[in-house]
Amino acid sequence: MLKISNNSLNEIVLGQKKADFDDVTLNNPNYSLEFDRKHKTQSDSELITVSSLRNCDEFCLNGKVINFSNLEKFLEEEDPLIEVSDEENYFYIFPKYNLVLYVNYKDNLFLQILIYDESIRDLYDNKGKKYSDFQKSKLKNLTLNHDKLIFIPYKSIGDFELNCSLSDVIRKYNISNNVIPKVKNIIEINNFVLRFDNEKLTEVTIFNDKKVELAIYYNEMDITSKKGFAELLSQNDVIERTKSKYLFKELGLVVEKDLSEFRFFEQSLLKFWANLHRPITSW
């Protein structure tokens, strides 16, 4: 296991001169060593960063094992700086430990673990935003930045993919506090309600609040507008459920006639909606 302690990574200590390292360490393919350029003689150059080039799923920091079962708790406690790459991997910078983690959540891997010397602290400590601020902005952006949602029947609505896991949604949007204690399969976020069955996302309900400008597009039609919804009705088979709802079986969609509410559901819920003859109890 990779071990970090006392300004060292696997006993490779920062600040040492290049001349102090043997060829085996300098040429080890598992590590990347970076030396400063302040010295005229290359052998006098000092080690300023060392990083692991091997993917791993855990490491030890000052005697504490960090892995993907406790990573979120560690992030909340330490509140590091954060940047997100174009590949949607995460850089976490911990000034307290002179530590950088490059994290791939999709595969639950630490792609790179790097420690840096005090002499170059400014290169790292001024990057990104605080983890806590980033999490708050994600929750805020869940509605404010989703002024246009693309709907793909039985697959997704906006960024929400049907059948994605409850844990992935909670992590992505930092919404553990939004889980309703007595109904653990329901999450409420502003004008979104998410339903989970067997910890998989099966239904997304959106309340079309007039105060929030929100457009839902299907095949380039804004189905939240009267014109777009009329077009949707003309192009698809529809079943009237109760006196107030329309069911689009081919789309996995239930809509209130006054366009105040849209429910997008996964294939397993089709039978439920097709057999429904009375209004559903509100959340």
C-alpha atoms as a PDB file:
ATOM      1  CA  MET A   1       0.000   0.000   0.000  1.00  0.00           C
ATOM      2  CA  LEU A   2       1.175   3.497  -0.809  1.00  0.00           C
ATOM      3  CA  LYS A   3       2.266   5.286   2.390  1.00  0.00           C
ATOM      4  CA  ILE A   4       2.571   9.036   2.944  1.00  0.00           C
ATOM      5  CA  SER A   5       4.163  10.426   6.101  1.00  0.00           C
ATOM      6  CA  ASN A   6       6.781  12.918   7.267  1.00  0.00           C
ATOM      7  CA  ASN A   7       7.110  14.670   3.905  1.00  0.00           C
ATOM      8  CA  SER A   8       7.671  11.379   2.094  1.00  0.00           C
ATOM      9  CA  LEU A   9       5.884   8.990  -0.232  1.00  0.00           C
ATOM     10  CA  ASN A  10       6.912   5.359   0.192  1.00  0.00           C
ATOM     11  CA  GLU A  11      10.058   6.616   1.946  1.00  0.00           C
ATOM     12  CA  ILE A  12      11.013   8.877  -0.962  1.00  0.00           C
ATOM     13  CA  VAL A  13      11.643  12.103   0.938  1.00  0.00           C
ATOM     14  CA  LEU A  14      11.114  15.585  -0.485  1.00  0.00           C
ATOM     15  CA  GLY A  15      14.027  18.012  -0.293  1.00  0.00           C
ATOM     16  CA  GLN A  16      16.720  15.414  -0.919  1.00  0.00           C
ATOM     17  CA  LYS A  17      19.388  16.137  -3.485  1.00  0.00           C
ATOM     18  CA  LYS A  18      19.331  14.213  -6.734  1.00  0.00           C
ATOM     19  CA  ALA A  19      22.793  12.877  -5.948  1.00  0.00           C
ATOM     20  CA  ASP A  20      21.338  11.105  -2.908  1.00  0.00           C
ATOM     21  CA  PHE A  21      19.134   8.832  -5.046  1.00  0.00           C
ATOM     22  CA  ASP A  22      20.332   5.626  -6.675  1.00  0.00           C
ATOM     23  CA  ASP A  23      19.531   4.790 -10.290  1.00  0.00           C
ATOM     24  CA  VAL A  24      16.905   2.230  -9.288  1.00  0.00           C
ATOM     25  CA  THR A  25      14.807   4.901  -7.538  1.00  0.00           C
ATOM     26  CA  LEU A  26      15.370   7.534 -10.225  1.00  0.00           C
ATOM     27  CA  ASN A  27      14.296   5.125 -12.984  1.00  0.00           C
ATOM     28  CA  ASN A  28      11.487   3.372 -11.133  1.00  0.00           C
ATOM     29  CA  PRO A  29       8.467   3.353 -13.537  1.00  0.00           C
ATOM     30  CA  ASN A  30       6.041   3.445 -10.606  1.00  0.00           C
ATOM     31  CA  TYR A  31       7.041   6.959  -9.548  1.00  0.00           C
ATOM     32  CA  SER A  32       7.605  10.369 -11.050  1.00  0.00           C
ATOM     33  CA  LEU A  33      10.279  12.523  -9.390  1.00  0.00           C
ATOM     34  CA  GLU A  34      10.599  16.242 -10.120  1.00  0.00           C
ATOM     35  CA  PHE A  35      13.677  18.259  -9.114  1.00  0.00           C
ATOM     36  CA  ASP A  36      14.084  22.006  -8.913  1.00  0.00           C
ATOM     37  CA  ARG A  37      16.210  24.029 -11.331  1.00  0.00           C
ATOM     38  CA  LYS A  38      17.819  26.420  -8.915  1.00  0.00           C
ATOM     39  CA  HIS A  39      21.203  24.754  -8.892  1.00  0.00           C
ATOM     40  CA  LYS A  40      23.921  24.995 -11.496  1.00  0.00           C
ATOM     41  CA  THR A  41      24.974  21.425 -10.865  1.00  0.00           C
ATOM     42  CA  GLN A  42      22.203  18.927 -11.684  1.00  0.00           C
ATOM     43  CA  SER A  43      23.244  16.569  -8.923  1.00  0.00           C
ATOM     44  CA  ASP A  44      22.602  19.346  -6.380  1.00  0.00           C
ATOM     45  CA  SER A  45      18.982  19.766  -7.512  1.00  0.00           C
ATOM     46  CA  GLU A  46      16.434  19.027  -4.776  1.00  0.00           C
ATOM     47  CA  LEU A  47      13.326  16.871  -5.018  1.00  0.00           C
ATOM     48  CA  ILE A  48      10.210  19.091  -5.071  1.00  0.00           C
ATOM     49  CA  THR A  49       7.466  16.610  -6.054  1.00  0.00           C
ATOM     50  CA  VAL A  50       7.045  12.870  -6.021  1.00  0.00           C
ATOM     51  CA  SER A  51       3.984  11.066  -7.316  1.00  0.00           C
ATOM     52  CA  SER A  52       2.754   7.543  -7.793  1.00  0.00           C
ATOM     53  CA  LEU A  53       2.097   6.523 -11.394  1.00  0.00           C
ATOM     54  CA  ARG A  54       0.238   3.348 -10.448  1.00  0.00           C
ATOM     55  CA  ASN A  55      -3.539   3.389 -10.142  1.00  0.00           C
ATOM     56  CA  CYS A  56      -4.708   2.296  -6.709  1.00  0.00           C
ATOM     57  CA  ASP A  57      -7.912   2.184  -4.685  1.00  0.00           C
ATOM     58  CA  GLU A  58      -6.441   3.087  -1.297  1.00  0.00           C
ATOM     59  CA  PHE A  59      -3.427   4.635   0.404  1.00  0.00           C
ATOM     60  CA  CYS A  60      -2.189   5.394   3.895  1.00  0.00           C
ATOM     61  CA  LEU A  61      -1.828   8.992   5.115  1.00  0.00           C
ATOM     62  CA  ASN A  62      -0.031   9.442   8.437  1.00  0.00           C
ATOM     63  CA  GLY A  63      -1.217   6.021   9.549  1.00  0.00           C
ATOM     64  CA  LYS A  64      -4.818   6.419   8.352  1.00  0.00           C
ATOM     65  CA  VAL A  65      -6.054   4.328   5.428  1.00  0.00           C
ATOM     66  CA  ILE A  66      -8.000   6.346   2.849  1.00  0.00           C
ATOM     67  CA  ASN A  67     -10.167   4.468   0.358  1.00  0.00           C
ATOM     68  CA  PHE A  68     -13.470   4.921  -1.447  1.00  0.00           C
ATOM     69  CA  SER A  69     -15.513   3.846   1.538  1.00  0.00           C
ATOM     70  CA  ASN A  70     -14.297   6.800   3.627  1.00  0.00           C
ATOM     71  CA  LEU A  71     -13.116   9.264   0.970  1.00  0.00           C
ATOM     72  CA  GLU A  72     -16.224  11.466   1.091  1.00  0.00           C
ATOM     73  CA  LYS A  73     -15.987  11.747   4.867  1.00  0.00           C
ATOM     74  CA  PHE A  74     -12.298  12.607   4.536  1.00  0.00           C
ATOM     75  CA  LEU A  75     -13.125  15.332   1.988  1.00  0.00           C
ATOM     76  CA  GLU A  76     -15.822  16.811   4.208  1.00  0.00           C
ATOM     77  CA  GLU A  77     -13.481  16.890   7.195  1.00  0.00           C
ATOM     78  CA  GLU A  78     -10.475  18.346   5.372  1.00  0.00           C
ATOM     79  CA  ASP A  79     -12.318  20.626   2.891  1.00  0.00           C
ATOM     80  CA  PRO A  80      -9.566  20.575   0.223  1.00  0.00           C
ATOM     81  CA  LEU A  81      -9.330  22.662  -2.918  1.00  0.00           C
ATOM     82  CA  ILE A  82     -10.917  21.077  -5.969  1.00  0.00           C
ATOM     83  CA  GLU A  83     -10.663  21.182  -9.755  1.00  0.00           C
ATOM     84  CA  VAL A  84     -12.511  19.042 -12.300  1.00  0.00           C
ATOM     85  CA  SER A  85     -10.800  17.843 -15.478  1.00  0.00           C
ATOM     86  CA  ASP A  86     -12.386  17.680 -18.929  1.00  0.00           C
ATOM     87  CA  GLU A  87     -12.750  13.923 -18.392  1.00  0.00           C
ATOM     88  CA  GLU A  88     -14.777  14.657 -15.236  1.00  0.00           C
ATOM     89  CA  ASN A  89     -12.046  13.339 -12.962  1.00  0.00           C
ATOM     90  CA  TYR A  90     -11.338  15.274  -9.778  1.00  0.00           C
ATOM     91  CA  PHE A  91      -8.174  16.955  -8.487  1.00  0.00           C
ATOM     92  CA  TYR A  92      -8.182  17.441  -4.725  1.00  0.00           C
ATOM     93  CA  ILE A  93      -5.425  19.608  -3.199  1.00  0.00           C
ATOM     94  CA  PHE A  94      -4.780  19.335   0.542  1.00  0.00           C
ATOM     95  CA  PRO A  95      -2.504  22.231   1.664  1.00  0.00           C
ATOM     96  CA  LYS A  96      -2.408  20.748   5.174  1.00  0.00           C
ATOM     97  CA  TYR A  97      -0.626  17.665   3.867  1.00  0.00           C
ATOM     98  CA  ASN A  98       1.026  19.094   0.719  1.00  0.00           C
ATOM     99  CA  LEU A  99      -0.966  16.428  -1.062  1.00  0.00           C
ATOM    100  CA  VAL A 100      -2.747  16.178  -4.436  1.00  0.00           C
ATOM    101  CA  LEU A 101      -5.177  13.394  -5.344  1.00  0.00           C
ATOM    102  CA  TYR A 102      -6.361  12.760  -8.890  1.00  0.00           C
ATOM    103  CA  VAL A 103      -9.562  10.729  -8.569  1.00  0.00           C
ATOM    104  CA  ASN A 104     -11.588   8.725 -11.051  1.00  0.00           C
ATOM    105  CA  TYR A 105     -14.986   8.043  -9.444  1.00  0.00           C
ATOM    106  CA  LYS A 106     -16.258   5.983 -12.351  1.00  0.00           C
ATOM    107  CA  ASP A 107     -13.732   3.221 -11.663  1.00  0.00           C
ATOM    108  CA  ASN A 108     -13.079   4.156  -8.019  1.00  0.00           C
ATOM    109  CA  LEU A 109      -9.380   4.697  -8.571  1.00  0.00           C
ATOM    110  CA  PHE A 110      -6.749   7.176  -7.469  1.00  0.00           C
ATOM    111  CA  LEU A 111      -5.088   7.857 -10.821  1.00  0.00           C
ATOM    112  CA  GLN A 112      -2.288   9.861  -9.234  1.00  0.00           C
ATOM    113  CA  ILE A 113      -1.142  10.633  -5.710  1.00  0.00           C
ATOM    114  CA  LEU A 114       1.377  13.459  -5.423  1.00  0.00           C
ATOM    115  CA  ILE A 115       3.121  15.290  -2.588  1.00  0.00           C
ATOM    116  CA  TYR A 116       4.892  18.620  -3.057  1.00  0.00           C
ATOM    117  CA  ASP A 117       7.604  20.535  -1.253  1.00  0.00           C
ATOM    118  CA  GLU A 118       6.963  23.690   0.797  1.00  0.00           C
ATOM    119  CA  SER A 119       9.114  25.666  -1.647  1.00  0.00           C
ATOM    120  CA  ILE A 120       6.450  25.360  -4.376  1.00  0.00           C
ATOM    121  CA  ARG A 121       3.354  25.585  -2.190  1.00  0.00           C
ATOM    122  CA  ASP A 122       2.088  28.639  -4.094  1.00  0.00           C
ATOM    123  CA  LEU A 123       1.842  26.595  -7.298  1.00  0.00           C
ATOM    124  CA  TYR A 124      -0.817  24.380  -5.725  1.00  0.00           C
ATOM    125  CA  ASP A 125      -2.502  26.255  -2.896  1.00  0.00           C
ATOM    126  CA  ASN A 126      -4.003  28.947  -5.134  1.00  0.00           C
ATOM    127  CA  LYS A 127      -5.869  26.572  -7.460  1.00  0.00           C
ATOM    128  CA  GLY A 128      -9.555  25.717  -7.610  1.00  0.00           C
ATOM    129  CA  LYS A 129     -12.239  26.395  -5.018  1.00  0.00           C
ATOM    130  CA  LYS A 130     -13.013  24.905  -1.635  1.00  0.00           C
ATOM    131  CA  TYR A 131     -14.670  21.488  -1.663  1.00  0.00           C
ATOM    132  CA  SER A 132     -17.533  22.787   0.503  1.00  0.00           C
ATOM    133  CA  ASP A 133     -18.192  25.723  -1.859  1.00  0.00           C
ATOM    134  CA  PHE A 134     -18.030  23.426  -4.874  1.00  0.00           C
ATOM    135  CA  GLN A 135     -20.626  21.080  -3.364  1.00  0.00           C
ATOM    136  CA  LYS A 136     -22.961  23.974  -2.600  1.00  0.00           C
ATOM    137  CA  SER A 137     -22.649  25.272  -6.161  1.00  0.00           C
ATOM    138  CA  LYS A 138     -23.483  21.829  -7.570  1.00  0.00           C
ATOM    139  CA  LEU A 139     -26.732  21.746  -5.634  1.00  0.00           C
ATOM    140  CA  LYS A 140     -27.564  25.299  -6.663  1.00  0.00           C
ATOM    141  CA  ASN A 141     -26.782  24.574 -10.294  1.00  0.00           C
ATOM    142  CA  LEU A 142     -29.057  21.556 -10.266  1.00  0.00           C
ATOM    143  CA  THR A 143     -31.954  23.878 -11.061  1.00  0.00           C
ATOM    144  CA  LEU A 144     -30.454  27.221 -12.005  1.00  0.00           C
ATOM    145  CA  ASN A 145     -28.217  25.793 -14.731  1.00  0.00           C
ATOM    146  CA  HIS A 146     -30.800  23.351 -15.986  1.00  0.00           C
ATOM    147  CA  ASP A 147     -33.000  25.886 -17.752  1.00  0.00           C
ATOM    148  CA  LYS A 148     -33.112  23.487 -20.714  1.00  0.00           C
ATOM    149  CA  LEU A 149     -33.489  19.759 -20.087  1.00  0.00           C
ATOM    150  CA  ILE A 150     -33.213  17.138 -22.814  1.00  0.00           C
ATOM    151  CA  PHE A 151     -35.531  14.144 -22.408  1.00  0.00           C
ATOM    152  CA  ILE A 152     -34.666  10.707 -23.807  1.00  0.00           C
ATOM    153  CA  PRO A 153     -37.532   8.231 -23.232  1.00  0.00           C
ATOM    154  CA  TYR A 154     -36.832   5.560 -20.621  1.00  0.00           C
ATOM    155  CA  LYS A 155     -33.205   6.685 -20.430  1.00  0.00           C
ATOM    156  CA  SER A 156     -32.641  10.167 -19.037  1.00  0.00           C
ATOM    157  CA  ILE A 157     -33.952  13.628 -18.258  1.00  0.00           C
ATOM    158  CA  GLY A 158     -31.240  16.278 -18.203  1.00  0.00           C
ATOM    159  CA  ASP A 159     -28.268  14.960 -16.230  1.00  0.00           C
ATOM    160  CA  PHE A 160     -30.347  12.329 -14.451  1.00  0.00           C
ATOM    161  CA  GLU A 161     -29.935   8.890 -15.966  1.00  0.00           C
ATOM    162  CA  LEU A 162     -32.664   6.417 -15.109  1.00  0.00           C
ATOM    163  CA  ASN A 163     -31.320   3.324 -13.329  1.00  0.00           C
ATOM    164  CA  CYS A 164     -28.286   5.182 -11.987  1.00  0.00           C
ATOM    165  CA  SER A 165     -27.515   4.380  -8.344  1.00  0.00           C
ATOM    166  CA  LEU A 166     -28.708   6.321  -5.296  1.00  0.00           C
ATOM    167  CA  SER A 167     -25.124   6.582  -4.010  1.00  0.00           C
ATOM    168  CA  ASP A 168     -23.941   8.123  -7.306  1.00  0.00           C
ATOM    169  CA  VAL A 169     -26.656  10.796  -7.201  1.00  0.00           C
ATOM    170  CA  ILE A 170     -25.953  11.614  -3.546  1.00  0.00           C
ATOM    171  CA  ARG A 171     -22.218  11.941  -4.249  1.00  0.00           C
ATOM    172  CA  LYS A 172     -22.600  13.920  -7.458  1.00  0.00           C
ATOM    173  CA  TYR A 173     -24.892  16.540  -5.943  1.00  0.00           C
ATOM    174  CA  ASN A 174     -23.940  16.233  -2.253  1.00  0.00           C
ATOM    175  CA  ILE A 175     -27.607  15.796  -1.302  1.00  0.00           C
ATOM    176  CA  SER A 176     -27.517  13.345   1.586  1.00  0.00           C
ATOM    177  CA  ASN A 177     -29.461  15.891   3.664  1.00  0.00           C
ATOM    178  CA  ASN A 178     -32.267  15.864   1.087  1.00  0.00           C
ATOM    179  CA  VAL A 179     -33.085  12.188   1.591  1.00  0.00           C
ATOM    180  CA  ILE A 180     -36.434  11.987   3.386  1.00  0.00           C
ATOM    181  CA  PRO A 181     -35.734   9.932   6.570  1.00  0.00           C
ATOM    182  CA  LYS A 182     -39.062   8.090   6.661  1.00  0.00           C
ATOM    183  CA  VAL A 183     -39.110   7.423   2.921  1.00  0.00           C
ATOM    184  CA  LYS A 184     -35.517   6.594   2.059  1.00  0.00           C
ATOM    185  CA  ASN A 185     -36.253   6.018  -1.622  1.00  0.00           C
ATOM    186  CA  ILE A 186     -37.370   9.624  -2.199  1.00  0.00           C
ATOM    187  CA  ILE A 187     -35.134  12.686  -2.592  1.00  0.00           C
ATOM    188  CA  GLU A 188     -36.489  16.212  -2.940  1.00  0.00           C
ATOM    189  CA  ILE A 189     -34.341  18.957  -4.484  1.00  0.00           C
ATOM    190  CA  ASN A 190     -36.086  22.251  -5.119  1.00  0.00           C
ATOM    191  CA  ASN A 191     -38.625  21.462  -7.873  1.00  0.00           C
ATOM    192  CA  PHE A 192     -37.214  17.967  -8.546  1.00  0.00           C
ATOM    193  CA  VAL A 193     -38.361  14.763  -6.837  1.00  0.00           C
ATOM    194  CA  LEU A 194     -36.312  11.602  -7.399  1.00  0.00           C
ATOM    195  CA  ARG A 195     -37.669   8.137  -6.692  1.00  0.00           C
ATOM    196  CA  PHE A 196     -35.416   5.117  -6.196  1.00  0.00           C
ATOM    197  CA  ASP A 197     -36.359   1.437  -6.179  1.00  0.00           C
ATOM    198  CA  ASN A 198     -33.704  -1.029  -5.010  1.00  0.00           C
ATOM    199  CA  GLU A 199     -31.395   2.011  -4.862  1.00  0.00           C
ATOM    200  CA  LYS A 200     -31.788   2.668  -8.606  1.00  0.00           C
ATOM    201  CA  LEU A 201     -33.348   5.830 -10.013  1.00  0.00           C
ATOM    202  CA  THR A 202     -36.727   4.840 -11.472  1.00  0.00           C
ATOM    203  CA  GLU A 203     -38.651   8.125 -11.631  1.00  0.00           C
ATOM    204  CA  VAL A 204     -37.953  11.852 -11.863  1.00  0.00           C
ATOM    205  CA  THR A 205     -40.766  14.291 -11.188  1.00  0.00           C
ATOM    206  CA  ILE A 206     -40.406  17.937 -12.129  1.00  0.00           C
ATOM    207  CA  PHE A 207     -42.832  20.554 -10.856  1.00  0.00           C
ATOM    208  CA  ASN A 208     -43.103  23.236 -13.497  1.00  0.00           C
ATOM    209  CA  ASP A 209     -42.987  26.278 -11.233  1.00  0.00           C
ATOM    210  CA  LYS A 210     -43.725  29.491 -13.103  1.00  0.00           C
ATOM    211  CA  LYS A 211     -41.110  31.260 -10.980  1.00  0.00           C
ATOM    212  CA  VAL A 212     -38.372  29.039 -12.458  1.00  0.00           C
ATOM    213  CA  GLU A 213     -37.785  29.237 -16.182  1.00  0.00           C
ATOM    214  CA  LEU A 214     -37.481  25.593 -17.120  1.00  0.00           C
ATOM    215  CA  ALA A 215     -37.882  24.049 -20.571  1.00  0.00           C
ATOM    216  CA  ILE A 216     -38.011  20.309 -21.265  1.00  0.00           C
ATOM    217  CA  TYR A 217     -37.186  19.302 -24.805  1.00  0.00           C
ATOM    218  CA  TYR A 218     -38.130  16.111 -26.633  1.00  0.00           C
ATOM    219  CA  ASN A 219     -37.280  15.878 -30.338  1.00  0.00           C
ATOM    220  CA  GLU A 220     -36.610  19.636 -30.333  1.00  0.00           C
ATOM    221  CA  MET A 221     -40.101  20.363 -28.934  1.00  0.00           C
ATOM    222  CA  ASP A 222     -40.442  22.346 -25.721  1.00  0.00           C
ATOM    223  CA  ILE A 223     -43.075  20.143 -24.094  1.00  0.00           C
ATOM    224  CA  THR A 224     -43.463  22.553 -21.161  1.00  0.00           C
ATOM    225  CA  SER A 225     -45.036  25.099 -23.513  1.00  0.00           C
ATOM    226  CA  LYS A 226     -48.658  24.834 -24.665  1.00  0.00           C
ATOM    227  CA  LYS A 227     -47.598  24.804 -28.317  1.00  0.00           C
ATOM    228  CA  GLY A 228     -44.930  22.150 -27.797  1.00  0.00           C
ATOM    229  CA  PHE A 229     -47.204  19.973 -25.677  1.00  0.00           C
ATOM    230  CA  ALA A 230     -50.004  20.170 -28.254  1.00  0.00           C
ATOM    231  CA  GLU A 231     -47.492  18.955 -30.836  1.00  0.00           C
ATOM    232  CA  LEU A 232     -46.468  16.126 -28.508  1.00  0.00           C
ATOM    233  CA  LEU A 233     -50.132  15.082 -28.152  1.00  0.00           C
ATOM    234  CA  SER A 234     -50.636  15.078 -31.907  1.00  0.00           C
ATOM    235  CA  GLN A 235     -47.605  12.894 -32.583  1.00  0.00           C
ATOM    236  CA  ASN A 236     -47.982  10.244 -29.856  1.00  0.00           C
ATOM    237  CA  ASP A 237     -50.571   7.836 -28.505  1.00  0.00           C
ATOM    238  CA  VAL A 238     -51.841   9.015 -25.155  1.00  0.00           C
ATOM    239  CA  ILE A 239     -53.978   7.530 -22.369  1.00  0.00           C
ATOM    240  CA  GLU A 240     -55.975   9.684 -20.000  1.00  0.00           C
ATOM    241  CA  ARG A 241     -55.227   8.639 -16.430  1.00  0.00           C
ATOM    242  CA  THR A 242     -57.684   9.987 -13.891  1.00  0.00           C
ATOM    243  CA  LYS A 243     -59.176  13.327 -14.910  1.00  0.00           C
ATOM    244  CA  SER A 244     -55.978  15.311 -14.740  1.00  0.00           C
ATOM    245  CA  LYS A 245     -53.130  13.260 -16.230  1.00  0.00           C
ATOM    246  CA  TYR A 246     -51.932  12.121 -19.618  1.00  0.00           C
ATOM    247  CA  LEU A 247     -49.869   8.941 -19.943  1.00  0.00           C
ATOM    248  CA  PHE A 248     -47.472   8.534 -22.874  1.00  0.00           C
ATOM    249  CA  LYS A 249     -46.649   4.819 -22.726  1.00  0.00           C
ATOM    250  CA  GLU A 250     -44.108   4.914 -25.544  1.00  0.00           C
ATOM    251  CA  LEU A 251     -42.211   7.740 -23.871  1.00  0.00           C
ATOM    252  CA  GLY A 252     -42.351   6.757 -20.205  1.00  0.00           C
ATOM    253  CA  LEU A 253     -43.981  10.067 -19.358  1.00  0.00           C
ATOM    254  CA  VAL A 254     -46.952  11.268 -17.312  1.00  0.00           C
ATOM    255  CA  VAL A 255     -48.016  14.918 -17.546  1.00  0.00           C
ATOM    256  CA  GLU A 256     -50.564  16.963 -15.637  1.00  0.00           C
ATOM    257  CA  LYS A 257     -53.013  18.539 -18.062  1.00  0.00           C
ATOM    258  CA  ASP A 258     -52.181  22.018 -16.802  1.00  0.00           C
ATOM    259  CA  LEU A 259     -48.464  21.276 -17.427  1.00  0.00           C
ATOM    260  CA  SER A 260     -47.665  21.809 -13.754  1.00  0.00           C
ATOM    261  CA  GLU A 261     -46.031  18.434 -13.300  1.00  0.00           C
ATOM    262  CA  PHE A 262     -43.961  16.060 -15.453  1.00  0.00           C
ATOM    263  CA  ARG A 263     -43.026  12.517 -14.405  1.00  0.00           C
ATOM    264  CA  PHE A 264     -40.377  10.591 -16.286  1.00  0.00           C
ATOM    265  CA  PHE A 265     -40.181   6.919 -15.377  1.00  0.00           C
ATOM    266  CA  GLU A 266     -38.182   3.780 -16.027  1.00  0.00           C
ATOM    267  CA  GLN A 267     -39.595   0.792 -17.945  1.00  0.00           C
ATOM    268  CA  SER A 268     -40.389  -1.195 -14.797  1.00  0.00           C
ATOM    269  CA  LEU A 269     -42.978   1.414 -13.735  1.00  0.00           C
ATOM    270  CA  LEU A 270     -44.946   1.296 -16.983  1.00  0.00           C
ATOM    271  CA  LYS A 271     -47.382  -1.321 -15.679  1.00  0.00           C
ATOM    272  CA  PHE A 272     -48.023   0.772 -12.577  1.00  0.00           C
ATOM    273  CA  TRP A 273     -48.900   3.872 -14.578  1.00  0.00           C
ATOM    274  CA  ALA A 274     -50.883   1.960 -17.208  1.00  0.00           C
ATOM    275  CA  ASN A 275     -53.097   0.419 -14.511  1.00  0.00           C
ATOM    276  CA  LEU A 276     -53.526   3.540 -12.440  1.00  0.00           C
ATOM    277  CA  HIS A 277     -57.147   4.688 -12.142  1.00  0.00           C
ATOM    278  CA  ARG A 278     -56.967   7.130  -9.270  1.00  0.00           C
ATOM    279  CA  PRO A 279     -54.814  10.162  -8.469  1.00  0.00           C
ATOM    280  CA  ILE A 280     -51.430   9.318  -7.017  1.00  0.00           C
ATOM    281  CA  THR A 281     -50.865  10.487  -3.458  1.00  0.00           C
ATOM    282  CA  SER A 282     -48.503  13.417  -3.384  1.00  0.00           C
ATOM    283  CA  TRP A 283     -45.040  12.988  -1.944  1.00  0.00           C
END
